[in-house]
Protein backbone atom coordinates (compact mmCIF):
# COMPACT_ATOMS: atom_id res chain seq x y z
CA MET A 1 23.68 -5.46 94.82
CA THR A 2 24.05 -2.85 92.12
CA ILE A 3 25.42 0.66 92.38
CA GLY A 4 22.97 3.35 91.34
CA PRO A 5 24.04 6.16 89.04
CA GLU A 6 24.13 8.78 91.79
CA LEU A 7 27.50 8.00 93.35
CA PRO A 8 29.55 7.58 90.13
CA LEU A 9 27.97 10.71 88.64
CA ALA A 10 28.58 12.63 91.87
CA ILE A 11 32.25 11.59 91.77
CA LEU A 12 32.47 12.62 88.10
CA PHE A 13 30.84 15.97 88.76
CA GLY A 14 32.99 16.53 91.84
CA VAL A 15 36.15 15.93 89.81
CA ILE A 16 34.92 18.21 87.00
CA HIS A 17 34.02 21.07 89.33
CA THR A 18 37.24 20.66 91.31
CA SER A 19 39.20 20.81 88.05
CA ILE A 20 37.40 23.99 87.02
CA TYR A 21 38.12 25.50 90.46
CA VAL A 22 41.83 24.69 90.20
CA LEU A 23 41.94 25.96 86.61
CA VAL A 24 40.40 29.30 87.58
CA ARG A 25 42.24 29.70 90.87
CA GLY A 26 45.55 28.36 89.61
CA ASP A 27 46.34 26.37 92.74
CA ALA A 28 44.50 24.54 95.48
CA GLY A 29 47.54 23.95 97.67
CA GLY A 30 47.36 21.19 100.21
CA ARG A 31 43.60 21.43 100.46
CA LEU A 32 42.93 19.76 97.09
CA PRO A 33 41.66 16.51 98.68
CA LEU A 34 39.30 18.52 100.90
CA VAL A 35 38.03 20.50 97.91
CA LEU A 36 37.45 17.28 95.97
CA LEU A 37 35.67 15.64 98.91
CA ALA A 38 33.46 18.70 99.43
CA ALA A 39 32.60 18.84 95.73
CA VAL A 40 31.72 15.13 95.55
CA LEU A 41 29.61 15.23 98.72
CA GLY A 42 27.95 18.45 97.56
CA ALA A 43 27.12 16.97 94.16
CA TRP A 44 25.74 13.84 95.78
CA ALA A 45 23.63 15.84 98.23
CA GLY A 46 22.47 18.18 95.48
CA ALA A 47 21.31 15.27 93.35
CA ALA A 48 19.41 13.81 96.30
CA ILE A 49 17.78 17.13 97.15
CA GLY A 50 16.95 17.81 93.51
CA ALA A 51 15.34 14.41 93.13
CA ARG A 52 13.40 14.82 96.40
CA VAL A 53 12.12 18.29 95.50
CA GLY A 54 11.43 17.27 91.91
CA PHE A 55 13.76 19.83 90.33
CA THR A 56 14.77 17.86 87.24
CA LEU A 57 15.01 20.62 84.64
CA LEU A 58 18.36 19.22 83.51
CA ALA A 59 18.88 15.63 84.52
CA ILE A 60 20.70 12.46 83.57
CA GLY A 61 18.17 9.82 84.57
CA ASP A 62 17.40 10.58 88.22
CA PHE A 63 20.55 12.68 88.67
CA ALA A 64 19.59 16.38 88.79
CA LEU A 65 22.45 18.37 87.27
CA LEU A 66 21.70 21.93 88.39
CA PRO A 67 21.22 21.25 92.11
CA SER A 68 24.22 18.92 92.16
CA SER A 69 26.41 21.54 90.49
CA ALA A 70 25.15 24.27 92.81
CA LEU A 71 25.85 22.26 95.95
CA ALA A 72 29.24 21.11 94.63
CA TRP A 73 30.23 24.78 94.25
CA LEU A 74 28.79 25.52 97.67
CA GLY A 75 31.04 22.83 99.16
CA ILE A 76 34.06 24.18 97.30
CA GLY A 77 33.22 27.68 98.53
CA ILE A 78 32.95 26.55 102.13
CA VAL A 79 36.36 24.86 101.96
CA ALA A 80 37.89 27.95 100.33
CA ILE A 81 36.41 30.28 102.96
CA LEU A 82 37.52 28.07 105.85
CA ALA A 83 41.02 27.84 104.36
CA THR A 84 41.16 31.63 104.10
CA LEU A 85 40.01 32.11 107.69
CA GLY A 86 42.32 29.43 109.09
CA PRO A 87 45.96 29.84 110.09
CA ARG A 88 48.51 30.22 107.32
CA SER A 89 51.51 27.94 107.17
CA ASP A 90 53.91 30.55 105.73
CA GLU A 91 53.54 32.96 108.67
CA PRO A 92 55.86 32.51 111.65
CA ALA A 93 54.10 31.41 114.80
């Protein structure tokens, strides 16, 4: 059984986009693992959707770069929004 290129490239793109997010934002706090997981799953889903739809304008083999990047950022955005809407740990209960 061999591993296809989708999962390792999705992990690589998830790490890259998470790093860019932390660089721009300055801090991810305790939600860094959630941001990384959302970015990896988003990149993996984006590559699958891009391959299914046939959107391979920029691609590494069968791995569609633009949809994977877009869905990785969508996942990061969802985690950031949910963290903003959730309870804060520095406020007294």
